[in-house]
Amino acid sequence: DMYGYEISKRIREKSNDEFQMKETTLYVCLKRLEKKNYIEGYWNDEKNTGGGRRRYYKILEEGKEIFKQKTKEWKALQKIMNRFVLDTDE
């Protein structure tokens, strides 16, 4: 489970700072994922150093399944695109 800032930070780290998502964009995406029942958001009542509550998100089973499916689709598309990009027959 992670809260918004942690998710944003993870995205930057995984992309070696090549991709950054604006906070508003991230929260719009999280809301859409919640609506589709791919993730679940909940408020943590513990006080953090900033004093406010944090909304945490966790992936649900349906979200895990769609992630697997989309990853498989992406890999298939990537394989096809690599044929075009790496094709030396001109």
PDB file of N, CA and C in Angstrom:
ATOM      1  N   ASP A   1       0.846  -1.179   0.000  1.00  0.00           N
ATOM      2  CA  ASP A   1       0.000   0.000   0.000  1.00  0.00           C
ATOM      3  C   ASP A   1       0.890   1.240   0.000  1.00  0.00           C
ATOM      4  N   MET A   2       0.484   2.226  -0.779  1.00  0.00           N
ATOM      5  CA  MET A   2       1.255   3.471  -0.857  1.00  0.00           C
ATOM      6  C   MET A   2       0.306   4.658  -0.948  1.00  0.00           C
ATOM      7  N   TYR A   3       0.772   5.806  -0.505  1.00  0.00           N
ATOM      8  CA  TYR A   3       0.001   7.029  -0.672  1.00  0.00           C
ATOM      9  C   TYR A   3       0.523   7.761  -1.908  1.00  0.00           C
ATOM     10  N   GLY A   4      -0.214   8.767  -2.340  1.00  0.00           N
ATOM     11  CA  GLY A   4       0.073   9.439  -3.601  1.00  0.00           C
ATOM     12  C   GLY A   4       1.511   9.860  -3.813  1.00  0.00           C
ATOM     13  N   TYR A   5       2.100  10.523  -2.840  1.00  0.00           N
ATOM     14  CA  TYR A   5       3.477  10.991  -3.003  1.00  0.00           C
ATOM     15  C   TYR A   5       4.436   9.821  -3.186  1.00  0.00           C
ATOM     16  N   GLU A   6       4.210   8.731  -2.455  1.00  0.00           N
ATOM     17  CA  GLU A   6       5.061   7.542  -2.601  1.00  0.00           C
ATOM     18  C   GLU A   6       4.958   6.967  -4.013  1.00  0.00           C
ATOM     19  N   ILE A   7       3.745   6.943  -4.545  1.00  0.00           N
ATOM     20  CA  ILE A   7       3.535   6.434  -5.903  1.00  0.00           C
ATOM     21  C   ILE A   7       4.278   7.306  -6.901  1.00  0.00           C
ATOM     22  N   SER A   8       4.138   8.616  -6.750  1.00  0.00           N
ATOM     23  CA  SER A   8       4.823   9.565  -7.632  1.00  0.00           C
ATOM     24  C   SER A   8       6.336   9.389  -7.567  1.00  0.00           C
ATOM     25  N   LYS A   9       6.839   9.237  -6.370  1.00  0.00           N
ATOM     26  CA  LYS A   9       8.278   9.045  -6.159  1.00  0.00           C
ATOM     27  C   LYS A   9       8.752   7.744  -6.808  1.00  0.00           C
ATOM     28  N   ARG A  10       7.970   6.685  -6.664  1.00  0.00           N
ATOM     29  CA  ARG A  10       8.315   5.382  -7.252  1.00  0.00           C
ATOM     30  C   ARG A  10       8.363   5.481  -8.778  1.00  0.00           C
ATOM     31  N   ILE A  11       7.422   6.205  -9.362  1.00  0.00           N
ATOM     32  CA  ILE A  11       7.402   6.389 -10.819  1.00  0.00           C
ATOM     33  C   ILE A  11       8.683   7.076 -11.275  1.00  0.00           C
ATOM     34  N   ARG A  12       9.068   8.131 -10.571  1.00  0.00           N
ATOM     35  CA  ARG A  12      10.313   8.846 -10.923  1.00  0.00           C
ATOM     36  C   ARG A  12      11.525   7.935 -10.783  1.00  0.00           C
ATOM     37  N   GLU A  13      11.592   7.185  -9.699  1.00  0.00           N
ATOM     38  CA  GLU A  13      12.736   6.290  -9.466  1.00  0.00           C
ATOM     39  C   GLU A  13      12.823   5.212 -10.534  1.00  0.00           C
ATOM     40  N   LYS A  14      11.693   4.561 -10.828  1.00  0.00           N
ATOM     41  CA  LYS A  14      11.683   3.466 -11.804  1.00  0.00           C
ATOM     42  C   LYS A  14      12.028   3.953 -13.211  1.00  0.00           C
ATOM     43  N   SER A  15      11.751   5.223 -13.491  1.00  0.00           N
ATOM     44  CA  SER A  15      12.045   5.768 -14.822  1.00  0.00           C
ATOM     45  C   SER A  15      13.371   6.523 -14.851  1.00  0.00           C
ATOM     46  N   ASN A  16      14.148   6.408 -13.793  1.00  0.00           N
ATOM     47  CA  ASN A  16      15.417   7.152 -13.677  1.00  0.00           C
ATOM     48  C   ASN A  16      15.209   8.646 -13.917  1.00  0.00           C
ATOM     49  N   ASP A  17      14.150   9.179 -13.341  1.00  0.00           N
ATOM     50  CA  ASP A  17      13.777  10.597 -13.439  1.00  0.00           C
ATOM     51  C   ASP A  17      13.454  11.053 -14.858  1.00  0.00           C
ATOM     52  N   GLU A  18      13.182  10.115 -15.771  1.00  0.00           N
ATOM     53  CA  GLU A  18      12.825  10.484 -17.137  1.00  0.00           C
ATOM     54  C   GLU A  18      11.331  10.732 -17.287  1.00  0.00           C
ATOM     55  N   PHE A  19      10.545  10.257 -16.341  1.00  0.00           N
ATOM     56  CA  PHE A  19       9.095  10.442 -16.401  1.00  0.00           C
ATOM     57  C   PHE A  19       8.611  10.939 -15.053  1.00  0.00           C
ATOM     58  N   GLN A  20       7.897  12.055 -15.100  1.00  0.00           N
ATOM     59  CA  GLN A  20       7.308  12.590 -13.877  1.00  0.00           C
ATOM     60  C   GLN A  20       5.838  12.863 -14.140  1.00  0.00           C
ATOM     61  N   MET A  21       5.007  12.476 -13.211  1.00  0.00           N
ATOM     62  CA  MET A  21       3.575  12.684 -13.348  1.00  0.00           C
ATOM     63  C   MET A  21       3.153  13.810 -12.413  1.00  0.00           C
ATOM     64  N   LYS A  22       2.436  14.772 -12.966  1.00  0.00           N
ATOM     65  CA  LYS A  22       1.932  15.867 -12.130  1.00  0.00           C
ATOM     66  C   LYS A  22       0.949  15.296 -11.109  1.00  0.00           C
ATOM     67  N   GLU A  23       0.923  15.934  -9.960  1.00  0.00           N
ATOM     68  CA  GLU A  23       0.089  15.456  -8.860  1.00  0.00           C
ATOM     69  C   GLU A  23      -1.379  15.339  -9.261  1.00  0.00           C
ATOM     70  N   THR A  24      -1.892  16.359  -9.959  1.00  0.00           N
ATOM     71  CA  THR A  24      -3.306  16.318 -10.350  1.00  0.00           C
ATOM     72  C   THR A  24      -3.582  15.155 -11.298  1.00  0.00           C
ATOM     73  N   THR A  25      -2.674  14.901 -12.225  1.00  0.00           N
ATOM     74  CA  THR A  25      -2.831  13.787 -13.163  1.00  0.00           C
ATOM     75  C   THR A  25      -2.846  12.463 -12.411  1.00  0.00           C
ATOM     76  N   LEU A  26      -1.949  12.321 -11.460  1.00  0.00           N
ATOM     77  CA  LEU A  26      -1.869  11.092 -10.676  1.00  0.00           C
ATOM     78  C   LEU A  26      -3.182  10.833  -9.945  1.00  0.00           C
ATOM     79  N   TYR A  27      -3.724  11.854  -9.288  1.00  0.00           N
ATOM     80  CA  TYR A  27      -4.940  11.653  -8.510  1.00  0.00           C
ATOM     81  C   TYR A  27      -6.153  11.390  -9.395  1.00  0.00           C
ATOM     82  N   VAL A  28      -6.187  11.973 -10.586  1.00  0.00           N
ATOM     83  CA  VAL A  28      -7.260  11.668 -11.541  1.00  0.00           C
ATOM     84  C   VAL A  28      -7.168  10.194 -11.942  1.00  0.00           C
ATOM     85  N   CYS A  29      -5.952   9.725 -12.215  1.00  0.00           N
ATOM     86  CA  CYS A  29      -5.740   8.310 -12.569  1.00  0.00           C
ATOM     87  C   CYS A  29      -6.149   7.389 -11.427  1.00  0.00           C
ATOM     88  N   LEU A  30      -5.759   7.735 -10.220  1.00  0.00           N
ATOM     89  CA  LEU A  30      -6.103   6.909  -9.061  1.00  0.00           C
ATOM     90  C   LEU A  30      -7.621   6.824  -8.883  1.00  0.00           C
ATOM     91  N   LYS A  31      -8.313   7.945  -9.081  1.00  0.00           N
ATOM     92  CA  LYS A  31      -9.778   7.952  -8.967  1.00  0.00           C
ATOM     93  C   LYS A  31     -10.410   7.035 -10.010  1.00  0.00           C
ATOM     94  N   ARG A  32      -9.889   7.093 -11.251  1.00  0.00           N
ATOM     95  CA  ARG A  32     -10.417   6.230 -12.320  1.00  0.00           C
ATOM     96  C   ARG A  32     -10.188   4.756 -11.996  1.00  0.00           C
ATOM     97  N   LEU A  33      -9.005   4.448 -11.494  1.00  0.00           N
ATOM     98  CA  LEU A  33      -8.692   3.061 -11.141  1.00  0.00           C
ATOM     99  C   LEU A  33      -9.590   2.572 -10.003  1.00  0.00           C
ATOM    100  N   GLU A  34      -9.895   3.474  -9.076  1.00  0.00           N
ATOM    101  CA  GLU A  34     -10.803   3.125  -7.974  1.00  0.00           C
ATOM    102  C   GLU A  34     -12.206   2.847  -8.499  1.00  0.00           C
ATOM    103  N   LYS A  35     -12.671   3.699  -9.419  1.00  0.00           N
ATOM    104  CA  LYS A  35     -14.005   3.531  -9.998  1.00  0.00           C
ATOM    105  C   LYS A  35     -14.150   2.191 -10.705  1.00  0.00           C
ATOM    106  N   LYS A  36     -13.068   1.735 -11.331  1.00  0.00           N
ATOM    107  CA  LYS A  36     -13.092   0.465 -12.062  1.00  0.00           C
ATOM    108  C   LYS A  36     -12.827  -0.733 -11.143  1.00  0.00           C
ATOM    109  N   ASN A  37     -12.670  -0.459  -9.858  1.00  0.00           N
ATOM    110  CA  ASN A  37     -12.389  -1.502  -8.854  1.00  0.00           C
ATOM    111  C   ASN A  37     -11.070  -2.228  -9.091  1.00  0.00           C
ATOM    112  N   TYR A  38     -10.085  -1.505  -9.621  1.00  0.00           N
ATOM    113  CA  TYR A  38      -8.741  -2.056  -9.791  1.00  0.00           C
ATOM    114  C   TYR A  38      -7.897  -1.788  -8.549  1.00  0.00           C
ATOM    115  N   ILE A  39      -8.197  -0.684  -7.870  1.00  0.00           N
ATOM    116  CA  ILE A  39      -7.500  -0.333  -6.631  1.00  0.00           C
ATOM    117  C   ILE A  39      -8.531   0.089  -5.592  1.00  0.00           C
ATOM    118  N   GLU A  40      -8.074   0.157  -4.354  1.00  0.00           N
ATOM    119  CA  GLU A  40      -8.926   0.618  -3.265  1.00  0.00           C
ATOM    120  C   GLU A  40      -8.164   1.683  -2.492  1.00  0.00           C
ATOM    121  N   GLY A  41      -8.828   2.790  -2.239  1.00  0.00           N
ATOM    122  CA  GLY A  41      -8.221   3.849  -1.447  1.00  0.00           C
ATOM    123  C   GLY A  41      -8.822   3.872  -0.053  1.00  0.00           C
ATOM    124  N   TYR A  42      -7.997   4.196   0.920  1.00  0.00           N
ATOM    125  CA  TYR A  42      -8.489   4.301   2.291  1.00  0.00           C
ATOM    126  C   TYR A  42      -7.653   5.344   3.033  1.00  0.00           C
ATOM    127  N   TRP A  43      -8.268   5.946   4.030  1.00  0.00           N
ATOM    128  CA  TRP A  43      -7.581   6.961   4.828  1.00  0.00           C
ATOM    129  C   TRP A  43      -6.871   6.307   5.997  1.00  0.00           C
ATOM    130  N   ASN A  44      -5.630   6.698   6.195  1.00  0.00           N
ATOM    131  CA  ASN A  44      -4.870   6.251   7.353  1.00  0.00           C
ATOM    132  C   ASN A  44      -5.072   7.300   8.441  1.00  0.00           C
ATOM    133  N   ASP A  45      -5.542   6.884   9.576  1.00  0.00           N
ATOM    134  CA  ASP A  45      -5.836   7.831  10.651  1.00  0.00           C
ATOM    135  C   ASP A  45      -4.618   8.257  11.455  1.00  0.00           C
ATOM    136  N   GLU A  46      -3.485   7.587  11.224  1.00  0.00           N
ATOM    137  CA  GLU A  46      -2.281   7.973  11.960  1.00  0.00           C
ATOM    138  C   GLU A  46      -1.795   9.336  11.482  1.00  0.00           C
ATOM    139  N   LYS A  47      -1.352  10.135  12.408  1.00  0.00           N
ATOM    140  CA  LYS A  47      -0.805  11.445  12.053  1.00  0.00           C
ATOM    141  C   LYS A  47       0.581  11.264  11.459  1.00  0.00           C
ATOM    142  N   ASN A  48       0.837  11.948  10.354  1.00  0.00           N
ATOM    143  CA  ASN A  48       2.182  11.911   9.783  1.00  0.00           C
ATOM    144  C   ASN A  48       2.922  13.164  10.213  1.00  0.00           C
ATOM    145  N   THR A  49       4.138  13.316   9.766  1.00  0.00           N
ATOM    146  CA  THR A  49       4.958  14.453  10.200  1.00  0.00           C
ATOM    147  C   THR A  49       4.358  15.783   9.771  1.00  0.00           C
ATOM    148  N   GLY A  50       3.563  15.787   8.689  1.00  0.00           N
ATOM    149  CA  GLY A  50       2.931  17.018   8.220  1.00  0.00           C
ATOM    150  C   GLY A  50       1.652  17.329   8.963  1.00  0.00           C
ATOM    151  N   GLY A  51       1.161  16.387   9.754  1.00  0.00           N
ATOM    152  CA  GLY A  51      -0.025  16.628  10.555  1.00  0.00           C
ATOM    153  C   GLY A  51      -1.327  16.158   9.934  1.00  0.00           C
ATOM    154  N   GLY A  52      -1.390  15.982   8.601  1.00  0.00           N
ATOM    155  CA  GLY A  52      -2.629  15.569   7.957  1.00  0.00           C
ATOM    156  C   GLY A  52      -2.722  14.069   7.768  1.00  0.00           C
ATOM    157  N   ARG A  53      -3.925  13.620   7.418  1.00  0.00           N
ATOM    158  CA  ARG A  53      -4.114  12.198   7.122  1.00  0.00           C
ATOM    159  C   ARG A  53      -3.673  11.928   5.690  1.00  0.00           C
ATOM    160  N   ARG A  54      -3.281  10.702   5.433  1.00  0.00           N
ATOM    161  CA  ARG A  54      -2.875  10.303   4.087  1.00  0.00           C
ATOM    162  C   ARG A  54      -3.859   9.274   3.549  1.00  0.00           C
ATOM    163  N   ARG A  55      -4.118   9.369   2.259  1.00  0.00           N
ATOM    164  CA  ARG A  55      -4.964   8.379   1.593  1.00  0.00           C
ATOM    165  C   ARG A  55      -4.046   7.359   0.933  1.00  0.00           C
ATOM    166  N   TYR A  56      -4.183   6.127   1.344  1.00  0.00           N
ATOM    167  CA  TYR A  56      -3.376   5.036   0.811  1.00  0.00           C
ATOM    168  C   TYR A  56      -4.172   4.279  -0.245  1.00  0.00           C
ATOM    169  N   TYR A  57      -3.435   3.663  -1.148  1.00  0.00           N
ATOM    170  CA  TYR A  57      -4.054   2.893  -2.221  1.00  0.00           C
ATOM    171  C   TYR A  57      -3.431   1.511  -2.260  1.00  0.00           C
ATOM    172  N   LYS A  58      -4.282   0.523  -2.514  1.00  0.00           N
ATOM    173  CA  LYS A  58      -3.769  -0.841  -2.677  1.00  0.00           C
ATOM    174  C   LYS A  58      -4.454  -1.468  -3.883  1.00  0.00           C
ATOM    175  N   ILE A  59      -3.713  -2.322  -4.570  1.00  0.00           N
ATOM    176  CA  ILE A  59      -4.250  -2.971  -5.762  1.00  0.00           C
ATOM    177  C   ILE A  59      -5.139  -4.139  -5.346  1.00  0.00           C
ATOM    178  N   LEU A  60      -6.265  -4.281  -6.036  1.00  0.00           N
ATOM    179  CA  LEU A  60      -7.199  -5.366  -5.775  1.00  0.00           C
ATOM    180  C   LEU A  60      -6.966  -6.499  -6.777  1.00  0.00           C
ATOM    181  N   GLU A  61      -7.605  -7.638  -6.554  1.00  0.00           N
ATOM    182  CA  GLU A  61      -7.413  -8.798  -7.436  1.00  0.00           C
ATOM    183  C   GLU A  61      -7.716  -8.455  -8.885  1.00  0.00           C
ATOM    184  N   GLU A  62      -8.821  -7.756  -9.121  1.00  0.00           N
ATOM    185  CA  GLU A  62      -9.173  -7.376 -10.492  1.00  0.00           C
ATOM    186  C   GLU A  62      -8.091  -6.492 -11.102  1.00  0.00           C
ATOM    187  N   GLY A  63      -7.510  -5.634 -10.298  1.00  0.00           N
ATOM    188  CA  GLY A  63      -6.413  -4.783 -10.753  1.00  0.00           C
ATOM    189  C   GLY A  63      -5.181  -5.590 -11.106  1.00  0.00           C
ATOM    190  N   LYS A  64      -4.894  -6.610 -10.311  1.00  0.00           N
ATOM    191  CA  LYS A  64      -3.746  -7.478 -10.597  1.00  0.00           C
ATOM    192  C   LYS A  64      -3.956  -8.220 -11.914  1.00  0.00           C
ATOM    193  N   GLU A  65      -5.176  -8.690 -12.140  1.00  0.00           N
ATOM    194  CA  GLU A  65      -5.486  -9.424 -13.373  1.00  0.00           C
ATOM    195  C   GLU A  65      -5.371  -8.521 -14.595  1.00  0.00           C
ATOM    196  N   ILE A  66      -5.912  -7.317 -14.506  1.00  0.00           N
ATOM    197  CA  ILE A  66      -5.844  -6.402 -15.652  1.00  0.00           C
ATOM    198  C   ILE A  66      -4.399  -5.990 -15.900  1.00  0.00           C
ATOM    199  N   PHE A  67      -3.614  -5.862 -14.839  1.00  0.00           N
ATOM    200  CA  PHE A  67      -2.197  -5.530 -14.989  1.00  0.00           C
ATOM    201  C   PHE A  67      -1.468  -6.636 -15.750  1.00  0.00           C
ATOM    202  N   LYS A  68      -1.732  -7.885 -15.385  1.00  0.00           N
ATOM    203  CA  LYS A  68      -1.110  -9.017 -16.088  1.00  0.00           C
ATOM    204  C   LYS A  68      -1.501  -9.010 -17.564  1.00  0.00           C
ATOM    205  N   GLN A  69      -2.782  -8.780 -17.823  1.00  0.00           N
ATOM    206  CA  GLN A  69      -3.288  -8.768 -19.194  1.00  0.00           C
ATOM    207  C   GLN A  69      -2.639  -7.647 -20.005  1.00  0.00           C
ATOM    208  N   LYS A  70      -2.601  -6.445 -19.441  1.00  0.00           N
ATOM    209  CA  LYS A  70      -2.031  -5.295 -20.153  1.00  0.00           C
ATOM    210  C   LYS A  70      -0.526  -5.462 -20.351  1.00  0.00           C
ATOM    211  N   THR A  71       0.147  -6.078 -19.394  1.00  0.00           N
ATOM    212  CA  THR A  71       1.584  -6.339 -19.537  1.00  0.00           C
ATOM    213  C   THR A  71       1.826  -7.298 -20.693  1.00  0.00           C
ATOM    214  N   LYS A  72       1.004  -8.321 -20.784  1.00  0.00           N
ATOM    215  CA  LYS A  72       1.117  -9.294 -21.873  1.00  0.00           C
ATOM    216  C   LYS A  72       0.883  -8.605 -23.228  1.00  0.00           C
ATOM    217  N   GLU A  73      -0.145  -7.758 -23.300  1.00  0.00           N
ATOM    218  CA  GLU A  73      -0.440  -7.022 -24.533  1.00  0.00           C
ATOM    219  C   GLU A  73       0.724  -6.102 -24.900  1.00  0.00           C
ATOM    220  N   TRP A  74       1.277  -5.422 -23.904  1.00  0.00           N
ATOM    221  CA  TRP A  74       2.390  -4.505 -24.142  1.00  0.00           C
ATOM    222  C   TRP A  74       3.604  -5.250 -24.689  1.00  0.00           C
ATOM    223  N   LYS A  75       3.908  -6.389 -24.112  1.00  0.00           N
ATOM    224  CA  LYS A  75       5.065  -7.171 -24.574  1.00  0.00           C
ATOM    225  C   LYS A  75       4.870  -7.641 -26.011  1.00  0.00           C
ATOM    226  N   ALA A  76       3.655  -8.035 -26.364  1.00  0.00           N
ATOM    227  CA  ALA A  76       3.372  -8.458 -27.742  1.00  0.00           C
ATOM    228  C   ALA A  76       3.540  -7.283 -28.702  1.00  0.00           C
ATOM    229  N   LEU A  77       3.023  -6.121 -28.332  1.00  0.00           N
ATOM    230  CA  LEU A  77       3.163  -4.926 -29.167  1.00  0.00           C
ATOM    231  C   LEU A  77       4.622  -4.510 -29.279  1.00  0.00           C
ATOM    232  N   GLN A  78       5.338  -4.587 -28.184  1.00  0.00           N
ATOM    233  CA  GLN A  78       6.756  -4.226 -28.173  1.00  0.00           C
ATOM    234  C   GLN A  78       7.549  -5.125 -29.120  1.00  0.00           C
ATOM    235  N   LYS A  79       7.221  -6.399 -29.127  1.00  0.00           N
ATOM    236  CA  LYS A  79       7.889  -7.360 -30.003  1.00  0.00           C
ATOM    237  C   LYS A  79       7.662  -6.988 -31.479  1.00  0.00           C
ATOM    238  N   ILE A  80       6.428  -6.643 -31.814  1.00  0.00           N
ATOM    239  CA  ILE A  80       6.099  -6.240 -33.187  1.00  0.00           C
ATOM    240  C   ILE A  80       6.822  -4.951 -33.555  1.00  0.00           C
ATOM    241  N   MET A  81       6.792  -3.971 -32.663  1.00  0.00           N
ATOM    242  CA  MET A  81       7.439  -2.679 -32.933  1.00  0.00           C
ATOM    243  C   MET A  81       8.945  -2.852 -33.098  1.00  0.00           C
ATOM    244  N   ASN A  82       9.545  -3.724 -32.320  1.00  0.00           N
ATOM    245  CA  ASN A  82      10.984  -3.971 -32.442  1.00  0.00           C
ATOM    246  C   ASN A  82      11.338  -4.506 -33.826  1.00  0.00           C
ATOM    247  N   ARG A  83      10.449  -5.301 -34.412  1.00  0.00           N
ATOM    248  CA  ARG A  83      10.697  -5.804 -35.767  1.00  0.00           C
ATOM    249  C   ARG A  83      10.801  -4.652 -36.760  1.00  0.00           C
ATOM    250  N   PHE A  84       9.952  -3.650 -36.590  1.00  0.00           N
ATOM    251  CA  PHE A  84       9.988  -2.494 -37.489  1.00  0.00           C
ATOM    252  C   PHE A  84      11.207  -1.621 -37.228  1.00  0.00           C
ATOM    253  N   VAL A  85      11.466  -1.356 -35.978  1.00  0.00           N
ATOM    254  CA  VAL A  85      12.567  -0.467 -35.606  1.00  0.00           C
ATOM    255  C   VAL A  85      13.915  -1.096 -35.923  1.00  0.00           C
ATOM    256  N   LEU A  86      14.043  -2.370 -35.660  1.00  0.00           N
ATOM    257  CA  LEU A  86      15.327  -3.045 -35.842  1.00  0.00           C
ATOM    258  C   LEU A  86      15.495  -3.652 -37.235  1.00  0.00           C
ATOM    259  N   ASP A  87      14.478  -3.525 -38.083  1.00  0.00           N
ATOM    260  CA  ASP A  87      14.534  -4.080 -39.439  1.00  0.00           C
ATOM    261  C   ASP A  87      15.567  -3.325 -40.263  1.00  0.00           C
ATOM    262  N   THR A  88      16.544  -4.047 -40.780  1.00  0.00           N
ATOM    263  CA  THR A  88      17.605  -3.407 -41.574  1.00  0.00           C
ATOM    264  C   THR A  88      17.398  -3.598 -43.066  1.00  0.00           C
ATOM    265  N   ASP A  89      16.318  -4.283 -43.460  1.00  0.00           N
ATOM    266  CA  ASP A  89      16.010  -4.454 -44.883  1.00  0.00           C
ATOM    267  C   ASP A  89      15.365  -3.179 -45.411  1.00  0.00           C
ATOM    268  N   GLU A  90      16.106  -2.438 -46.207  1.00  0.00           N
ATOM    269  CA  GLU A  90      15.553  -1.190 -46.760  1.00  0.00           C
ATOM    270  C   GLU A  90      15.698  -1.160 -48.233  1.00  0.00           C
TER     271      GLU A  90
END
